[in-house]
C-alpha atoms as a PDB file:
ATOM      1  CA  MET A   1     102.072  88.813 124.702  1.00  0.00           C
ATOM      2  CA  SER A   2     101.057  92.164 123.182  1.00  0.00           C
ATOM      3  CA  LEU A   3     103.034  93.658 120.349  1.00  0.00           C
ATOM      4  CA  TYR A   4     104.075  97.280 120.706  1.00  0.00           C
ATOM      5  CA  ARG A   5     105.079  99.073 117.555  1.00  0.00           C
ATOM      6  CA  LYS A   6     107.546 101.919 117.947  1.00  0.00           C
ATOM      7  CA  GLU A   7     106.989 103.169 114.435  1.00  0.00           C
ATOM      8  CA  THR A   8     104.286 103.228 111.820  1.00  0.00           C
ATOM      9  CA  SER A   9     103.861 105.220 108.662  1.00  0.00           C
ATOM     10  CA  TRP A  10     101.343 106.867 106.417  1.00  0.00           C
ATOM     11  CA  ASP A  11     102.129 107.450 102.783  1.00  0.00           C
ATOM     12  CA  LEU A  12     101.023 110.481 100.774  1.00  0.00           C
ATOM     13  CA  GLY A  13     102.504 111.142  97.386  1.00  0.00           C
ATOM     14  CA  THR A  14     102.007 112.442  93.891  1.00  0.00           C
ATOM     15  CA  GLY A  15     102.961 109.258  92.111  1.00  0.00           C
ATOM     16  CA  TYR A  16     105.786 109.312  89.598  1.00  0.00           C
ATOM     17  CA  GLN A  17     105.978 112.563  87.652  1.00  0.00           C
ATOM     18  CA  VAL A  18     108.701 113.773  85.320  1.00  0.00           C
ATOM     19  CA  SER A  19     110.012 117.076  86.678  1.00  0.00           C
ATOM     20  CA  LEU A  20     113.291 118.819  87.386  1.00  0.00           C
ATOM     21  CA  ASP A  21     111.725 120.911  90.167  1.00  0.00           C
ATOM     22  CA  VAL A  22     110.715 118.956  93.284  1.00  0.00           C
ATOM     23  CA  ASN A  23     108.809 122.032  94.482  1.00  0.00           C
ATOM     24  CA  ASP A  24     106.086 121.270  91.899  1.00  0.00           C
ATOM     25  CA  GLN A  25     105.272 117.968  93.599  1.00  0.00           C
ATOM     26  CA  LEU A  26     105.851 119.341  97.104  1.00  0.00           C
ATOM     27  CA  GLN A  27     103.234 122.060  96.553  1.00  0.00           C
ATOM     28  CA  LYS A  28     100.681 119.386  95.612  1.00  0.00           C
ATOM     29  CA  ILE A  29     101.359 117.579  98.911  1.00  0.00           C
ATOM     30  CA  ILE A  30     101.173 120.820 100.906  1.00  0.00           C
ATOM     31  CA  ILE A  31      97.769 121.613  99.389  1.00  0.00           C
ATOM     32  CA  LYS A  32      96.486 118.183 100.496  1.00  0.00           C
ATOM     33  CA  LEU A  33      97.776 118.661 104.059  1.00  0.00           C
ATOM     34  CA  LYS A  34      97.118 122.378 104.538  1.00  0.00           C
ATOM     35  CA  ASN A  35      93.645 121.993 106.073  1.00  0.00           C
ATOM     36  CA  LYS A  36      94.741 118.998 108.170  1.00  0.00           C
ATOM     37  CA  VAL A  37      97.257 120.753 110.440  1.00  0.00           C
ATOM     38  CA  SER A  38      94.938 120.892 113.464  1.00  0.00           C
ATOM     39  CA  ILE A  39      93.984 117.209 113.089  1.00  0.00           C
ATOM     40  CA  ILE A  40      97.638 116.184 112.791  1.00  0.00           C
ATOM     41  CA  ASN A  41      98.501 118.245 115.877  1.00  0.00           C
ATOM     42  CA  GLU A  42      95.626 116.648 117.822  1.00  0.00           C
ATOM     43  CA  ILE A  43      96.947 113.178 116.955  1.00  0.00           C
ATOM     44  CA  LYS A  44     100.475 114.233 117.960  1.00  0.00           C
ATOM     45  CA  ASP A  45      99.255 115.503 121.332  1.00  0.00           C
ATOM     46  CA  ALA A  46      96.860 112.641 122.057  1.00  0.00           C
ATOM     47  CA  TYR A  47      99.374 109.885 121.338  1.00  0.00           C
ATOM     48  CA  SER A  48     102.691 111.673 122.011  1.00  0.00           C
ATOM     49  CA  VAL A  49     103.918 110.908 118.527  1.00  0.00           C
ATOM     50  CA  GLU A  50     106.433 112.579 116.262  1.00  0.00           C
ATOM     51  CA  CYS A  51     105.822 113.524 112.635  1.00  0.00           C
ATOM     52  CA  ASN A  52     108.500 113.253 109.963  1.00  0.00           C
ATOM     53  CA  SER A  53     108.453 113.970 106.260  1.00  0.00           C
ATOM     54  CA  PHE A  54     110.644 112.428 103.620  1.00  0.00           C
ATOM     55  CA  ILE A  55     111.113 113.367  99.982  1.00  0.00           C
ATOM     56  CA  VAL A  56     112.131 110.561  97.659  1.00  0.00           C
ATOM     57  CA  VAL A  57     113.662 111.660  94.373  1.00  0.00           C
ATOM     58  CA  LYS A  58     114.268 109.316  91.472  1.00  0.00           C
ATOM     59  CA  ILE A  59     117.196 110.530  89.369  1.00  0.00           C
ATOM     60  CA  GLU A  60     117.295 109.341  85.782  1.00  0.00           C
ATOM     61  CA  GLU A  61     119.992 109.847  83.161  1.00  0.00           C
ATOM     62  CA  GLY A  62     121.996 112.070  85.537  1.00  0.00           C
ATOM     63  CA  ASN A  63     119.333 114.812  85.597  1.00  0.00           C
ATOM     64  CA  THR A  64     119.343 116.155  89.142  1.00  0.00           C
ATOM     65  CA  PRO A  65     116.161 117.971  90.173  1.00  0.00           C
ATOM     66  CA  GLY A  66     116.174 121.310  91.959  1.00  0.00           C
ATOM     67  CA  LEU A  67     115.648 121.202  95.728  1.00  0.00           C
ATOM     68  CA  TYR A  68     114.986 124.396  97.632  1.00  0.00           C
END
């Protein structure tokens, strides 16, 4: 019996950084992905997959970072 996976994931992050502005870390991720848009779109088309992005924020001592 073959296994069919409905979901898989790739992980790209900045590692833990102290910041109250999530945009600082987001810009670092965008720079890494900027030249990969055509490759990502080719994978999407070839395998009929969907791409999702998630931002995980760790809140410490009640300091809520800015999200915009």
